[in-house]
PDB file of N, CA and C in Angstrom:
ATOM      1  N   UNK A   1       0.820  -1.185   0.000  1.00  0.00           N
ATOM      2  CA  UNK A   1       0.000   0.000   0.000  1.00  0.00           C
ATOM      3  C   UNK A   1       0.863   1.247   0.000  1.00  0.00           C
ATOM      4  N   UNK A   2       1.906   1.255   0.839  1.00  0.00           N
ATOM      5  CA  UNK A   2       2.766   2.426   0.880  1.00  0.00           C
ATOM      6  C   UNK A   2       4.097   2.018   1.507  1.00  0.00           C
ATOM      7  N   UNK A   3       5.180   2.381   0.861  1.00  0.00           N
ATOM      8  CA  UNK A   3       6.505   2.076   1.382  1.00  0.00           C
ATOM      9  C   UNK A   3       7.206   3.378   1.717  1.00  0.00           C
ATOM     10  N   UNK A   4       7.602   3.510   2.953  1.00  0.00           N
ATOM     11  CA  UNK A   4       8.388   4.669   3.357  1.00  0.00           C
ATOM     12  C   UNK A   4       9.735   4.177   3.871  1.00  0.00           C
ATOM     13  N   UNK A   5      10.751   4.995   3.709  1.00  0.00           N
ATOM     14  CA  UNK A   5      12.078   4.597   4.158  1.00  0.00           C
ATOM     15  C   UNK A   5      12.345   4.946   5.611  1.00  0.00           C
ATOM     16  N   UNK A   6      11.701   5.984   6.100  1.00  0.00           N
ATOM     17  CA  UNK A   6      12.028   6.466   7.441  1.00  0.00           C
ATOM     18  C   UNK A   6      10.837   6.436   8.387  1.00  0.00           C
ATOM     19  N   UNK A   7       9.647   6.676   7.894  1.00  0.00           N
ATOM     20  CA  UNK A   7       8.469   6.788   8.746  1.00  0.00           C
ATOM     21  C   UNK A   7       7.901   5.410   9.061  1.00  0.00           C
ATOM     22  N   UNK A   8       7.592   5.187  10.311  1.00  0.00           N
ATOM     23  CA  UNK A   8       6.998   3.925  10.729  1.00  0.00           C
ATOM     24  C   UNK A   8       5.598   3.781  10.143  1.00  0.00           C
ATOM     25  N   UNK A   9       5.194   2.568   9.879  1.00  0.00           N
ATOM     26  CA  UNK A   9       3.856   2.328   9.335  1.00  0.00           C
ATOM     27  C   UNK A   9       2.778   2.730  10.347  1.00  0.00           C
ATOM     28  N   UNK A  10       3.133   2.744  11.616  1.00  0.00           N
ATOM     29  CA  UNK A  10       2.171   3.091  12.659  1.00  0.00           C
ATOM     30  C   UNK A  10       1.935   4.598  12.762  1.00  0.00           C
ATOM     31  N   UNK A  11       2.887   5.407  12.292  1.00  0.00           N
ATOM     32  CA  UNK A  11       2.720   6.858  12.335  1.00  0.00           C
ATOM     33  C   UNK A  11       2.482   7.468  10.957  1.00  0.00           C
ATOM     34  N   UNK A  12       2.539   6.671   9.925  1.00  0.00           N
ATOM     35  CA  UNK A  12       2.404   7.181   8.559  1.00  0.00           C
ATOM     36  C   UNK A  12       0.967   7.551   8.198  1.00  0.00           C
ATOM     37  N   UNK A  13      -0.002   6.916   8.805  1.00  0.00           N
ATOM     38  CA  UNK A  13      -1.390   7.221   8.500  1.00  0.00           C
ATOM     39  C   UNK A  13      -1.976   6.330   7.418  1.00  0.00           C
ATOM     40  N   UNK A  14      -1.568   5.080   7.382  1.00  0.00           N
ATOM     41  CA  UNK A  14      -2.064   4.143   6.377  1.00  0.00           C
ATOM     42  C   UNK A  14      -3.562   3.926   6.534  1.00  0.00           C
ATOM     43  N   UNK A  15      -4.056   3.965   7.744  1.00  0.00           N
ATOM     44  CA  UNK A  15      -5.469   3.694   7.989  1.00  0.00           C
ATOM     45  C   UNK A  15      -6.374   4.881   7.686  1.00  0.00           C
ATOM     46  N   UNK A  16      -5.815   5.996   7.244  1.00  0.00           N
ATOM     47  CA  UNK A  16      -6.615   7.177   6.923  1.00  0.00           C
ATOM     48  C   UNK A  16      -7.206   7.138   5.512  1.00  0.00           C
ATOM     49  N   UNK A  17      -6.687   6.298   4.634  1.00  0.00           N
ATOM     50  CA  UNK A  17      -7.122   6.250   3.245  1.00  0.00           C
ATOM     51  C   UNK A  17      -8.248   5.213   3.107  1.00  0.00           C
ATOM     52  N   UNK A  18      -9.489   5.680   3.122  1.00  0.00           N
ATOM     53  CA  UNK A  18     -10.629   4.760   3.105  1.00  0.00           C
ATOM     54  C   UNK A  18     -10.779   4.037   1.773  1.00  0.00           C
ATOM     55  N   UNK A  19     -10.412   4.647   0.670  1.00  0.00           N
ATOM     56  CA  UNK A  19     -10.515   4.000  -0.642  1.00  0.00           C
ATOM     57  C   UNK A  19      -9.548   2.817  -0.731  1.00  0.00           C
ATOM     58  N   UNK A  20      -8.319   3.022  -0.272  1.00  0.00           N
ATOM     59  CA  UNK A  20      -7.343   1.940  -0.287  1.00  0.00           C
ATOM     60  C   UNK A  20      -7.767   0.813   0.642  1.00  0.00           C
ATOM     61  N   UNK A  21      -8.267   1.150   1.823  1.00  0.00           N
ATOM     62  CA  UNK A  21      -8.725   0.119   2.746  1.00  0.00           C
ATOM     63  C   UNK A  21      -9.891  -0.669   2.167  1.00  0.00           C
ATOM     64  N   UNK A  22     -10.811  -0.003   1.485  1.00  0.00           N
ATOM     65  CA  UNK A  22     -11.919  -0.692   0.835  1.00  0.00           C
ATOM     66  C   UNK A  22     -11.398  -1.631  -0.255  1.00  0.00           C
ATOM     67  N   UNK A  23     -10.442  -1.168  -1.048  1.00  0.00           N
ATOM     68  CA  UNK A  23      -9.862  -2.002  -2.092  1.00  0.00           C
ATOM     69  C   UNK A  23      -9.158  -3.228  -1.539  1.00  0.00           C
ATOM     70  N   UNK A  24      -8.424  -3.055  -0.452  1.00  0.00           N
ATOM     71  CA  UNK A  24      -7.742  -4.185   0.174  1.00  0.00           C
ATOM     72  C   UNK A  24      -8.761  -5.171   0.747  1.00  0.00           C
ATOM     73  N   UNK A  25      -9.831  -4.664   1.355  1.00  0.00           N
ATOM     74  CA  UNK A  25     -10.870  -5.543   1.896  1.00  0.00           C
ATOM     75  C   UNK A  25     -11.542  -6.346   0.788  1.00  0.00           C
ATOM     76  N   UNK A  26     -11.830  -5.713  -0.342  1.00  0.00           N
ATOM     77  CA  UNK A  26     -12.439  -6.428  -1.467  1.00  0.00           C
ATOM     78  C   UNK A  26     -11.472  -7.474  -2.019  1.00  0.00           C
ATOM     79  N   UNK A  27     -10.206  -7.125  -2.130  1.00  0.00           N
ATOM     80  CA  UNK A  27      -9.211  -8.071  -2.617  1.00  0.00           C
ATOM     81  C   UNK A  27      -9.116  -9.294  -1.717  1.00  0.00           C
ATOM     82  N   UNK A  28      -9.076  -9.073  -0.405  1.00  0.00           N
ATOM     83  CA  UNK A  28      -9.002 -10.187   0.540  1.00  0.00           C
ATOM     84  C   UNK A  28     -10.270 -11.032   0.465  1.00  0.00           C
ATOM     85  N   UNK A  29     -11.428 -10.400   0.340  1.00  0.00           N
ATOM     86  CA  UNK A  29     -12.682 -11.134   0.220  1.00  0.00           C
ATOM     87  C   UNK A  29     -12.683 -12.026  -1.021  1.00  0.00           C
ATOM     88  N   UNK A  30     -12.225 -11.508  -2.145  1.00  0.00           N
ATOM     89  CA  UNK A  30     -12.175 -12.307  -3.369  1.00  0.00           C
ATOM     90  C   UNK A  30     -11.219 -13.491  -3.205  1.00  0.00           C
ATOM     91  N   UNK A  31     -10.056 -13.242  -2.597  1.00  0.00           N
ATOM     92  CA  UNK A  31      -9.106 -14.331  -2.384  1.00  0.00           C
ATOM     93  C   UNK A  31      -9.687 -15.413  -1.485  1.00  0.00           C
ATOM     94  N   UNK A  32     -10.352 -15.008  -0.410  1.00  0.00           N
ATOM     95  CA  UNK A  32     -10.940 -15.975   0.517  1.00  0.00           C
ATOM     96  C   UNK A  32     -12.039 -16.779  -0.182  1.00  0.00           C
ATOM     97  N   UNK A  33     -12.865 -16.120  -0.974  1.00  0.00           N
ATOM     98  CA  UNK A  33     -13.918 -16.828  -1.695  1.00  0.00           C
ATOM     99  C   UNK A  33     -13.344 -17.835  -2.684  1.00  0.00           C
ATOM    100  N   UNK A  34     -12.322 -17.441  -3.429  1.00  0.00           N
ATOM    101  CA  UNK A  34     -11.736 -18.339  -4.419  1.00  0.00           C
ATOM    102  C   UNK A  34     -11.059 -19.535  -3.751  1.00  0.00           C
ATOM    103  N   UNK A  35     -10.424 -19.316  -2.626  1.00  0.00           N
ATOM    104  CA  UNK A  35      -9.683 -20.396  -1.982  1.00  0.00           C
ATOM    105  C   UNK A  35     -10.594 -21.308  -1.164  1.00  0.00           C
ATOM    106  N   UNK A  36     -11.593 -20.754  -0.475  1.00  0.00           N
ATOM    107  CA  UNK A  36     -12.350 -21.553   0.481  1.00  0.00           C
ATOM    108  C   UNK A  36     -13.749 -21.962   0.035  1.00  0.00           C
ATOM    109  N   UNK A  37     -14.342 -21.310  -0.948  1.00  0.00           N
ATOM    110  CA  UNK A  37     -15.694 -21.651  -1.379  1.00  0.00           C
ATOM    111  C   UNK A  37     -15.638 -22.915  -2.238  1.00  0.00           C
ATOM    112  N   UNK A  38     -16.311 -23.991  -1.801  1.00  0.00           N
ATOM    113  CA  UNK A  38     -16.186 -25.271  -2.529  1.00  0.00           C
ATOM    114  C   UNK A  38     -16.562 -25.172  -4.006  1.00  0.00           C
ATOM    115  N   UNK A  39     -17.571 -24.403  -4.365  1.00  0.00           N
ATOM    116  CA  UNK A  39     -17.953 -24.289  -5.765  1.00  0.00           C
ATOM    117  C   UNK A  39     -16.874 -23.644  -6.616  1.00  0.00           C
ATOM    118  N   UNK A  40     -16.212 -22.645  -6.089  1.00  0.00           N
ATOM    119  CA  UNK A  40     -15.147 -21.971  -6.831  1.00  0.00           C
ATOM    120  C   UNK A  40     -13.837 -22.750  -6.818  1.00  0.00           C
ATOM    121  N   UNK A  41     -13.650 -23.618  -5.812  1.00  0.00           N
ATOM    122  CA  UNK A  41     -12.425 -24.418  -5.778  1.00  0.00           C
ATOM    123  C   UNK A  41     -12.326 -25.318  -7.001  1.00  0.00           C
ATOM    124  N   UNK A  42     -13.448 -25.905  -7.403  1.00  0.00           N
ATOM    125  CA  UNK A  42     -13.426 -26.777  -8.573  1.00  0.00           C
ATOM    126  C   UNK A  42     -13.215 -26.010  -9.865  1.00  0.00           C
ATOM    127  N   UNK A  43     -13.783 -24.819  -9.953  1.00  0.00           N
ATOM    128  CA  UNK A  43     -13.645 -24.014 -11.170  1.00  0.00           C
ATOM    129  C   UNK A  43     -12.243 -23.427 -11.297  1.00  0.00           C
ATOM    130  N   UNK A  44     -11.715 -22.923 -10.186  1.00  0.00           N
ATOM    131  CA  UNK A  44     -10.415 -22.238 -10.205  1.00  0.00           C
ATOM    132  C   UNK A  44      -9.241 -23.165  -9.899  1.00  0.00           C
ATOM    133  N   UNK A  45      -9.531 -24.455  -9.591  1.00  0.00           N
ATOM    134  CA  UNK A  45      -8.500 -25.438  -9.260  1.00  0.00           C
ATOM    135  C   UNK A  45      -7.651 -24.986  -8.073  1.00  0.00           C
ATOM    136  N   UNK A  46      -8.311 -24.572  -7.000  1.00  0.00           N
ATOM    137  CA  UNK A  46      -7.610 -24.135  -5.794  1.00  0.00           C
ATOM    138  C   UNK A  46      -7.929 -25.078  -4.642  1.00  0.00           C
ATOM    139  N   UNK A  47      -7.142 -24.993  -3.587  1.00  0.00           N
ATOM    140  CA  UNK A  47      -7.373 -25.747  -2.358  1.00  0.00           C
ATOM    141  C   UNK A  47      -6.804 -24.940  -1.208  1.00  0.00           C
ATOM    142  N   UNK A  48      -7.319 -25.147  -0.022  1.00  0.00           N
ATOM    143  CA  UNK A  48      -6.822 -24.407   1.132  1.00  0.00           C
ATOM    144  C   UNK A  48      -5.603 -25.116   1.722  1.00  0.00           C
ATOM    145  N   UNK A  49      -4.763 -24.326   2.389  1.00  0.00           N
ATOM    146  CA  UNK A  49      -3.578 -24.864   3.038  1.00  0.00           C
ATOM    147  C   UNK A  49      -3.944 -25.462   4.386  1.00  0.00           C
ATOM    148  N   UNK A  50      -3.127 -26.393   4.894  1.00  0.00           N
ATOM    149  CA  UNK A  50      -3.317 -26.863   6.271  1.00  0.00           C
ATOM    150  C   UNK A  50      -2.993 -25.748   7.274  1.00  0.00           C
ATOM    151  N   UNK A  51      -3.446 -25.906   8.489  1.00  0.00           N
ATOM    152  CA  UNK A  51      -3.258 -24.883   9.532  1.00  0.00           C
ATOM    153  C   UNK A  51      -1.788 -24.575   9.796  1.00  0.00           C
ATOM    154  N   UNK A  52      -0.935 -25.579   9.745  1.00  0.00           N
ATOM    155  CA  UNK A  52       0.492 -25.361  10.016  1.00  0.00           C
ATOM    156  C   UNK A  52       1.107 -24.419   8.986  1.00  0.00           C
ATOM    157  N   UNK A  53       0.676 -24.513   7.755  1.00  0.00           N
ATOM    158  CA  UNK A  53       1.203 -23.637   6.708  1.00  0.00           C
ATOM    159  C   UNK A  53       0.755 -22.201   6.952  1.00  0.00           C
ATOM    160  N   UNK A  54      -0.520 -22.018   7.337  1.00  0.00           N
ATOM    161  CA  UNK A  54      -1.012 -20.677   7.658  1.00  0.00           C
ATOM    162  C   UNK A  54      -0.221 -20.085   8.815  1.00  0.00           C
ATOM    163  N   UNK A  55       0.076 -20.898   9.822  1.00  0.00           N
ATOM    164  CA  UNK A  55       0.830 -20.407  10.979  1.00  0.00           C
ATOM    165  C   UNK A  55       2.231 -19.958  10.562  1.00  0.00           C
ATOM    166  N   UNK A  56       2.885 -20.717   9.710  1.00  0.00           N
ATOM    167  CA  UNK A  56       4.224 -20.336   9.229  1.00  0.00           C
ATOM    168  C   UNK A  56       4.169 -19.016   8.471  1.00  0.00           C
ATOM    169  N   UNK A  57       3.147 -18.841   7.637  1.00  0.00           N
ATOM    170  CA  UNK A  57       3.025 -17.597   6.882  1.00  0.00           C
ATOM    171  C   UNK A  57       2.778 -16.399   7.801  1.00  0.00           C
ATOM    172  N   UNK A  58       1.958 -16.574   8.812  1.00  0.00           N
ATOM    173  CA  UNK A  58       1.688 -15.470   9.737  1.00  0.00           C
ATOM    174  C   UNK A  58       2.926 -15.095  10.544  1.00  0.00           C
ATOM    175  N   UNK A  59       3.692 -16.099  10.974  1.00  0.00           N
ATOM    176  CA  UNK A  59       4.929 -15.829  11.710  1.00  0.00           C
ATOM    177  C   UNK A  59       5.921 -15.096  10.810  1.00  0.00           C
ATOM    178  N   UNK A  60       6.051 -15.529   9.567  1.00  0.00           N
ATOM    179  CA  UNK A  60       6.971 -14.864   8.640  1.00  0.00           C
ATOM    180  C   UNK A  60       6.524 -13.439   8.343  1.00  0.00           C
ATOM    181  N   UNK A  61       5.229 -13.211   8.192  1.00  0.00           N
ATOM    182  CA  UNK A  61       4.724 -11.855   7.946  1.00  0.00           C
ATOM    183  C   UNK A  61       5.036 -10.940   9.133  1.00  0.00           C
ATOM    184  N   UNK A  62       4.860 -11.445  10.355  1.00  0.00           N
ATOM    185  CA  UNK A  62       5.183 -10.657  11.537  1.00  0.00           C
ATOM    186  C   UNK A  62       6.686 -10.355  11.590  1.00  0.00           C
ATOM    187  N   UNK A  63       7.502 -11.313  11.189  1.00  0.00           N
ATOM    188  CA  UNK A  63       8.955 -11.113  11.150  1.00  0.00           C
ATOM    189  C   UNK A  63       9.325 -10.022  10.151  1.00  0.00           C
ATOM    190  N   UNK A  64       8.711 -10.041   8.976  1.00  0.00           N
ATOM    191  CA  UNK A  64       9.013  -9.041   7.943  1.00  0.00           C
ATOM    192  C   UNK A  64       8.641  -7.637   8.428  1.00  0.00           C
ATOM    193  N   UNK A  65       7.471  -7.501   9.057  1.00  0.00           N
ATOM    194  CA  UNK A  65       7.048  -6.200   9.576  1.00  0.00           C
ATOM    195  C   UNK A  65       8.005  -5.730  10.674  1.00  0.00           C
ATOM    196  N   UNK A  66       8.369  -6.626  11.570  1.00  0.00           N
ATOM    197  CA  UNK A  66       9.277  -6.259  12.664  1.00  0.00           C
ATOM    198  C   UNK A  66      10.648  -5.842  12.132  1.00  0.00           C
ATOM    199  N   UNK A  67      11.184  -6.571  11.161  1.00  0.00           N
ATOM    200  CA  UNK A  67      12.495  -6.210  10.610  1.00  0.00           C
ATOM    201  C   UNK A  67      12.425  -4.891   9.849  1.00  0.00           C
ATOM    202  N   UNK A  68      11.348  -4.666   9.123  1.00  0.00           N
ATOM    203  CA  UNK A  68      11.192  -3.406   8.409  1.00  0.00           C
ATOM    204  C   UNK A  68      11.141  -2.231   9.373  1.00  0.00           C
ATOM    205  N   UNK A  69      10.400  -2.382  10.455  1.00  0.00           N
ATOM    206  CA  UNK A  69      10.326  -1.318  11.458  1.00  0.00           C
ATOM    207  C   UNK A  69      11.668  -1.117  12.151  1.00  0.00           C
ATOM    208  N   UNK A  70      12.419  -2.197  12.374  1.00  0.00           N
ATOM    209  CA  UNK A  70      13.731  -2.080  13.002  1.00  0.00           C
ATOM    210  C   UNK A  70      14.703  -1.330  12.091  1.00  0.00           C
ATOM    211  N   UNK A  71      14.660  -1.612  10.793  1.00  0.00           N
ATOM    212  CA  UNK A  71      15.530  -0.900   9.847  1.00  0.00           C
ATOM    213  C   UNK A  71      15.170   0.580   9.805  1.00  0.00           C
ATOM    214  N   UNK A  72      13.874   0.888   9.812  1.00  0.00           N
ATOM    215  CA  UNK A  72      13.453   2.291   9.799  1.00  0.00           C
ATOM    216  C   UNK A  72      13.891   3.008  11.074  1.00  0.00           C
ATOM    217  N   UNK A  73      13.781   2.327  12.214  1.00  0.00           N
ATOM    218  CA  UNK A  73      14.208   2.933  13.478  1.00  0.00           C
ATOM    219  C   UNK A  73      15.713   3.186  13.474  1.00  0.00           C
ATOM    220  N   UNK A  74      16.478   2.236  12.961  1.00  0.00           N
ATOM    221  CA  UNK A  74      17.933   2.415  12.895  1.00  0.00           C
ATOM    222  C   UNK A  74      18.298   3.536  11.928  1.00  0.00           C
ATOM    223  N   UNK A  75      17.541   3.663  10.844  1.00  0.00           N
ATOM    224  CA  UNK A  75      17.797   4.742   9.885  1.00  0.00           C
ATOM    225  C   UNK A  75      17.482   6.097  10.485  1.00  0.00           C
ATOM    226  N   UNK A  76      16.401   6.174  11.261  1.00  0.00           N
ATOM    227  CA  UNK A  76      16.079   7.445  11.921  1.00  0.00           C
ATOM    228  C   UNK A  76      17.122   7.792  12.974  1.00  0.00           C
ATOM    229  N   UNK A  77      17.645   6.797  13.662  1.00  0.00           N
ATOM    230  CA  UNK A  77      18.620   7.031  14.713  1.00  0.00           C
ATOM    231  C   UNK A  77      19.954   7.509  14.141  1.00  0.00           C
ATOM    232  N   UNK A  78      20.387   6.910  13.008  1.00  0.00           N
ATOM    233  CA  UNK A  78      21.667   7.272  12.398  1.00  0.00           C
ATOM    234  C   UNK A  78      21.484   7.352  10.886  1.00  0.00           C
ATOM    235  N   UNK A  79      21.105   8.523  10.359  1.00  0.00           N
ATOM    236  CA  UNK A  79      20.806   8.658   8.932  1.00  0.00           C
ATOM    237  C   UNK A  79      21.991   8.430   7.992  1.00  0.00           C
ATOM    238  N   UNK A  80      23.208   8.465   8.499  1.00  0.00           N
ATOM    239  CA  UNK A  80      24.372   8.244   7.638  1.00  0.00           C
ATOM    240  C   UNK A  80      25.067   6.925   7.944  1.00  0.00           C
ATOM    241  N   UNK A  81      24.479   6.104   8.775  1.00  0.00           N
ATOM    242  CA  UNK A  81      25.108   4.848   9.180  1.00  0.00           C
ATOM    243  C   UNK A  81      24.990   3.746   8.147  1.00  0.00           C
ATOM    244  N   UNK A  82      25.545   2.596   8.480  1.00  0.00           N
ATOM    245  CA  UNK A  82      25.575   1.446   7.591  1.00  0.00           C
ATOM    246  C   UNK A  82      24.170   0.989   7.211  1.00  0.00           C
ATOM    247  N   UNK A  83      23.275   0.929   8.188  1.00  0.00           N
ATOM    248  CA  UNK A  83      21.898   0.477   7.924  1.00  0.00           C
ATOM    249  C   UNK A  83      21.218   1.409   6.942  1.00  0.00           C
ATOM    250  N   UNK A  84      21.360   2.708   7.133  1.00  0.00           N
ATOM    251  CA  UNK A  84      20.724   3.681   6.242  1.00  0.00           C
ATOM    252  C   UNK A  84      21.293   3.588   4.823  1.00  0.00           C
ATOM    253  N   UNK A  85      22.587   3.347   4.713  1.00  0.00           N
ATOM    254  CA  UNK A  85      23.201   3.279   3.376  1.00  0.00           C
ATOM    255  C   UNK A  85      22.895   1.974   2.659  1.00  0.00           C
ATOM    256  N   UNK A  86      22.809   0.866   3.390  1.00  0.00           N
ATOM    257  CA  UNK A  86      22.735  -0.439   2.740  1.00  0.00           C
ATOM    258  C   UNK A  86      21.388  -1.146   2.817  1.00  0.00           C
ATOM    259  N   UNK A  87      20.576  -0.822   3.796  1.00  0.00           N
ATOM    260  CA  UNK A  87      19.316  -1.563   3.961  1.00  0.00           C
ATOM    261  C   UNK A  87      18.075  -0.730   3.706  1.00  0.00           C
ATOM    262  N   UNK A  88      18.108   0.562   3.954  1.00  0.00           N
ATOM    263  CA  UNK A  88      16.929   1.404   3.767  1.00  0.00           C
ATOM    264  C   UNK A  88      16.946   1.957   2.360  1.00  0.00           C
ATOM    265  N   UNK A  89      16.479   1.161   1.439  1.00  0.00           N
ATOM    266  CA  UNK A  89      16.540   1.552   0.028  1.00  0.00           C
ATOM    267  C   UNK A  89      15.605   2.628  -0.269  1.00  0.00           C
TER     268      UNK A  89
END
């Protein structure tokens, strides 16, 4: 939705854009219907993942968000440091 190099996602105001939030909600709804609705599974040749796979994906997503926020915090702390030059693209 929005990538910033220095501003945290929590202070950027991502939740203020109602059109984008509506679009993301519709996208997620379509994905859930295609993956989990039995009638569409046969048409679209999809199947749902086991619970363990969902858990791995959620843990990895949380890791990505945490690392991104850590890089942004390090960049704000030292704008000319190694992290800012090499990781905050």
